[in-house]
Each structure stands twice: as C-alpha cells, then as structure tokens.
Amino acid sequence: MKPTLNRRDFLRNLVLLGISGLAVGTLLPKIMKKKESGLLWQINPDKCIQCGRCATDCVLEQSAVKAFHSFPICGYCRLCGGYFQPDAPRLDTGAENQLCPTGALKRKFIEEPYYEYSIDERLCIACGRCAKGCTDFGNGSLYLQVRQDLCLKCNECSIAKVCPSGAFVRVSSESPYLIKGRDEQKS
C-alpha cells in the first residue's frame, strides 16, 4: 500500500526543504569566500605598463588603485620624470609644468639639488602618468598599487580583466603589497 502524504507532513517537508535550501544558500558563498579570503588582487609593479585603465575600469567611483612612492629608491631629483611634463618650460610647481592632471603629486624642496615627492591620495585618480614618467625618465620609484583598505575585495576585479600586461595578480592577504624590484613577484 502506498503511503499517503497528509497536509501536515507535506508542510513539514516543505519547511525542512526551505530551511535546507536557505542553509546551503547562506553557507556556500561564505565557504567559497573563505577559501579565497587569503588572496587579494594587487598590481605587480614590474609588469605594469601604466596604461591608464586603473583609473577607468575600477567598479568604484574613484579607483582603489593609487600611486605609490618608494622613497628608498627615489633619487629626489630636481628634474623628476614623474612630476614634470616632458617639455615643461620651467622646473617649478606651476600646473602647466606638472604631469599629474589633478596635482596629486606634491613637491617639497629639501636642499639643493634635492626635492621630496609625495602623493596626496585624495587627489590621485590612478591615471598612471606619474608612474609612466618615472619609469620612462627616472628610476621607477613611483608606481601603482591597489589600496587594500579602499578595495571592495569582490574577488572579481574588473581592472584585472582588462589589464593588457597581466600585471594584476593574486597575493597573500598577509603580504598585500608588492614592492618594486623584489624577486618573488616576478612570476
């Protein structure tokens, strides 16, 4: 004889099925996120070609990528390739002479002939012009990095998808920044 399903059993099974589905639907994304939570997106500065896509392809209104200045390798040059337009008429802080379209790269006199350069991250739009100029005409002490405190960590980086040089890589969350010139990032 075939068992009949009464209304009470039917509703109980439906509720159990719903709870099971809810549990799977809630826990599965957390398990998957936990699996990838040890990895973050970062830019390998040795592969970056400063194409400008970091400024335009981030899902955030203002990119999580910012210019980074490595003071230990900076030459503190009077003529900084990352600060000045290649054809700058004068070597002063006039906007017409600066490479950065927002004035995010700041210059401060130290002593003749040395200047210190710093980045105002609020103004930095990740266009990469300073990094490109510094790489082309300097020692490369200016480069781009994903600021992990600004990044959404969605694990589907829209910039990484369009990066023409493959400079976006996954790094350990314990070491979320790549320092230019280190051997372990040249993969």
Protein backbone atom coordinates (compact mmCIF):
# COMPACT_ATOMS: atom_id res chain seq x y z
CA MET A 1 0.00 0.00 0.00
CA LYS A 2 1.26 3.42 -0.96
CA PRO A 3 1.73 5.79 1.99
CA THR A 4 -0.38 8.91 1.70
CA LEU A 5 1.04 12.29 2.44
CA ASN A 6 -1.22 14.34 4.65
CA ARG A 7 -1.22 18.10 4.78
CA ARG A 8 0.83 18.30 7.99
CA ASP A 9 3.62 16.05 6.59
CA PHE A 10 3.61 17.96 3.32
CA LEU A 11 4.03 21.33 5.07
CA ARG A 12 6.71 19.94 7.42
CA ASN A 13 8.70 18.59 4.44
CA LEU A 14 8.30 21.88 2.60
CA VAL A 15 9.60 23.85 5.62
CA LEU A 16 12.55 21.44 6.04
CA LEU A 17 13.37 21.73 2.36
CA GLY A 18 13.21 25.55 2.60
CA ILE A 19 15.46 25.59 5.67
CA SER A 20 17.92 23.26 3.96
CA GLY A 21 17.95 25.44 0.85
CA LEU A 22 18.42 28.57 2.92
CA ALA A 23 21.29 27.00 4.86
CA VAL A 24 23.04 25.90 1.68
CA GLY A 25 22.39 29.25 0.02
CA THR A 26 23.79 31.11 3.03
CA LEU A 27 26.74 28.90 3.89
CA LEU A 28 28.03 28.05 0.43
CA PRO A 29 29.03 31.61 -0.51
CA LYS A 30 30.71 32.02 2.88
CA ILE A 31 32.65 28.80 2.43
CA MET A 32 33.70 29.85 -1.08
CA LYS A 33 34.67 33.34 0.09
CA LYS A 34 36.65 31.89 3.00
CA LYS A 35 38.51 29.68 0.54
CA GLU A 36 39.64 32.75 -1.42
CA SER A 37 39.86 35.17 1.51
CA GLY A 38 43.59 34.56 1.84
CA LEU A 39 44.22 36.10 -1.58
CA LEU A 40 43.87 39.71 -2.70
CA TRP A 41 44.32 41.48 -6.02
CA GLN A 42 47.45 43.58 -6.41
CA ILE A 43 49.47 45.14 -9.21
CA ASN A 44 52.88 43.70 -9.95
CA PRO A 45 54.87 46.92 -10.50
CA ASP A 46 57.45 45.07 -12.61
CA LYS A 47 54.72 44.10 -15.14
CA CYS A 48 52.58 47.27 -15.06
CA ILE A 49 52.73 49.36 -18.26
CA GLN A 50 50.78 52.33 -16.82
CA CYS A 51 48.03 52.04 -19.45
CA GLY A 52 45.54 54.21 -17.52
CA ARG A 53 42.86 51.53 -17.17
CA CYS A 54 43.14 51.52 -13.36
CA ALA A 55 41.54 54.98 -13.43
CA THR A 56 38.64 53.99 -15.66
CA ASP A 57 37.84 50.31 -15.08
CA CYS A 58 37.51 50.03 -11.28
CA VAL A 59 33.94 49.39 -10.10
CA LEU A 60 34.35 52.15 -7.54
CA GLU A 61 33.61 55.75 -8.46
CA GLN A 62 37.18 56.64 -7.53
CA SER A 63 39.60 53.79 -8.17
CA ALA A 64 41.05 51.74 -5.30
CA VAL A 65 44.36 51.96 -7.15
CA LYS A 66 46.65 54.78 -6.07
CA ALA A 67 50.13 55.92 -6.95
CA PHE A 68 52.78 54.71 -4.53
CA HIS A 69 56.19 56.27 -3.96
CA SER A 70 59.09 54.10 -2.87
CA PHE A 71 61.29 56.56 -1.02
CA PRO A 72 64.26 54.15 -0.70
CA ILE A 73 64.76 54.02 -4.48
CA CYS A 74 63.89 57.66 -5.21
CA GLY A 75 66.68 59.92 -6.41
CA TYR A 76 64.99 63.08 -5.02
CA CYS A 77 65.77 64.62 -8.40
CA ARG A 78 65.31 68.26 -9.24
CA LEU A 79 64.02 67.12 -12.65
CA CYS A 80 61.57 64.34 -11.79
CA GLY A 81 60.17 62.45 -14.79
CA GLY A 82 57.07 61.60 -12.78
CA TYR A 83 56.40 65.18 -11.70
CA PHE A 84 57.20 67.32 -14.75
CA GLN A 85 55.75 67.30 -18.25
CA PRO A 86 58.45 66.07 -20.68
CA ASP A 87 58.50 69.52 -22.33
CA ALA A 88 57.98 71.63 -19.19
CA PRO A 89 59.03 75.25 -19.85
CA ARG A 90 60.20 75.66 -16.22
CA LEU A 91 61.08 73.40 -13.31
CA ASP A 92 58.65 74.92 -10.83
CA THR A 93 55.34 73.84 -9.30
CA GLY A 94 53.17 75.61 -11.87
CA ALA A 95 50.26 73.45 -13.01
CA GLU A 96 51.32 73.88 -16.65
CA ASN A 97 54.60 72.14 -15.81
CA GLN A 98 53.14 69.19 -13.89
CA LEU A 99 52.42 65.78 -15.38
CA CYS A 100 49.67 64.88 -12.88
CA PRO A 101 46.30 66.17 -14.12
CA THR A 102 44.94 66.56 -10.57
CA GLY A 103 48.04 67.86 -8.78
CA ALA A 104 48.19 64.75 -6.55
CA LEU A 105 51.99 64.55 -6.73
CA LYS A 106 53.46 67.14 -4.39
CA ARG A 107 57.00 68.51 -4.49
CA LYS A 108 58.91 69.87 -1.50
CA PHE A 109 62.39 71.43 -1.54
CA ILE A 110 64.90 69.67 0.74
CA GLU A 111 68.26 71.24 -0.20
CA GLU A 112 69.95 71.97 -3.49
CA PRO A 113 69.54 69.92 -5.72
CA TYR A 114 67.14 67.59 -3.80
CA TYR A 115 63.36 67.58 -3.71
CA GLU A 116 60.96 65.24 -1.93
CA TYR A 117 57.89 63.98 -3.76
CA SER A 118 54.74 62.73 -2.03
CA ILE A 119 51.27 61.71 -3.14
CA ASP A 120 48.02 63.23 -1.95
CA GLU A 121 45.88 60.08 -2.26
CA ARG A 122 42.64 62.05 -2.07
CA LEU A 123 43.56 63.63 -5.40
CA CYS A 124 45.10 60.56 -7.06
CA ILE A 125 42.85 59.08 -9.76
CA ALA A 126 45.21 56.21 -10.74
CA CYS A 127 45.85 57.55 -14.24
CA GLY A 128 49.42 56.25 -14.01
CA ARG A 129 51.01 59.28 -15.67
CA CYS A 130 53.44 59.87 -12.81
CA ALA A 131 54.39 56.18 -12.74
CA LYS A 132 54.89 56.13 -16.52
CA GLY A 133 57.04 59.28 -16.45
CA CYS A 134 59.09 57.98 -13.54
CA THR A 135 59.61 54.63 -15.27
CA ASP A 136 60.45 56.16 -18.67
CA PHE A 137 62.67 59.01 -17.44
CA GLY A 138 63.68 58.04 -13.92
CA ASN A 139 64.32 55.13 -11.61
CA GLY A 140 60.72 53.90 -11.28
CA SER A 141 60.20 54.88 -7.67
CA LEU A 142 56.60 55.90 -8.49
CA TYR A 143 54.24 53.03 -9.32
CA LEU A 144 50.64 51.94 -8.86
CA GLN A 145 49.24 49.69 -6.12
CA VAL A 146 45.75 48.56 -5.09
CA ARG A 147 44.99 50.17 -1.74
CA GLN A 148 43.51 47.24 0.16
CA ASP A 149 41.61 49.50 2.58
CA LEU A 150 39.73 51.02 -0.37
CA CYS A 151 39.20 47.84 -2.43
CA LEU A 152 35.84 46.07 -2.20
CA LYS A 153 37.58 42.66 -2.31
CA CYS A 154 34.86 41.29 -4.54
CA ASN A 155 37.29 38.72 -6.00
CA GLU A 156 36.12 39.65 -9.50
CA CYS A 157 38.43 42.57 -10.18
CA SER A 158 37.19 44.46 -13.22
CA ILE A 159 40.61 46.06 -13.75
CA ALA A 160 42.35 42.66 -13.74
CA LYS A 161 40.01 41.51 -16.52
CA VAL A 162 41.13 44.32 -18.85
CA CYS A 163 44.77 44.71 -17.81
CA PRO A 164 46.73 44.34 -21.07
CA SER A 165 50.01 43.36 -19.40
CA GLY A 166 48.65 40.85 -16.89
CA ALA A 167 50.04 42.96 -14.06
CA PHE A 168 47.09 42.20 -11.75
CA VAL A 169 47.98 39.17 -9.66
CA ARG A 170 46.63 37.46 -6.56
CA VAL A 171 48.79 37.90 -3.47
CA SER A 172 48.55 36.67 0.10
CA SER A 173 46.48 38.84 2.43
CA GLU A 174 49.41 38.61 4.85
CA SER A 175 51.61 40.45 2.32
CA PRO A 176 49.13 42.55 0.33
CA TYR A 177 51.59 45.00 -1.24
CA LEU A 178 54.28 44.30 -3.83
CA ILE A 179 57.47 46.29 -3.56
CA LYS A 180 59.11 47.12 -6.85
CA GLY A 181 62.17 45.05 -7.71
CA ARG A 182 61.63 42.13 -5.32
CA ASP A 183 62.34 38.77 -6.96
CA GLU A 184 59.35 36.86 -5.53
CA GLN A 185 56.83 38.88 -7.56
CA LYS A 186 58.36 38.22 -10.98
CA SER A 187 56.08 35.31 -11.74
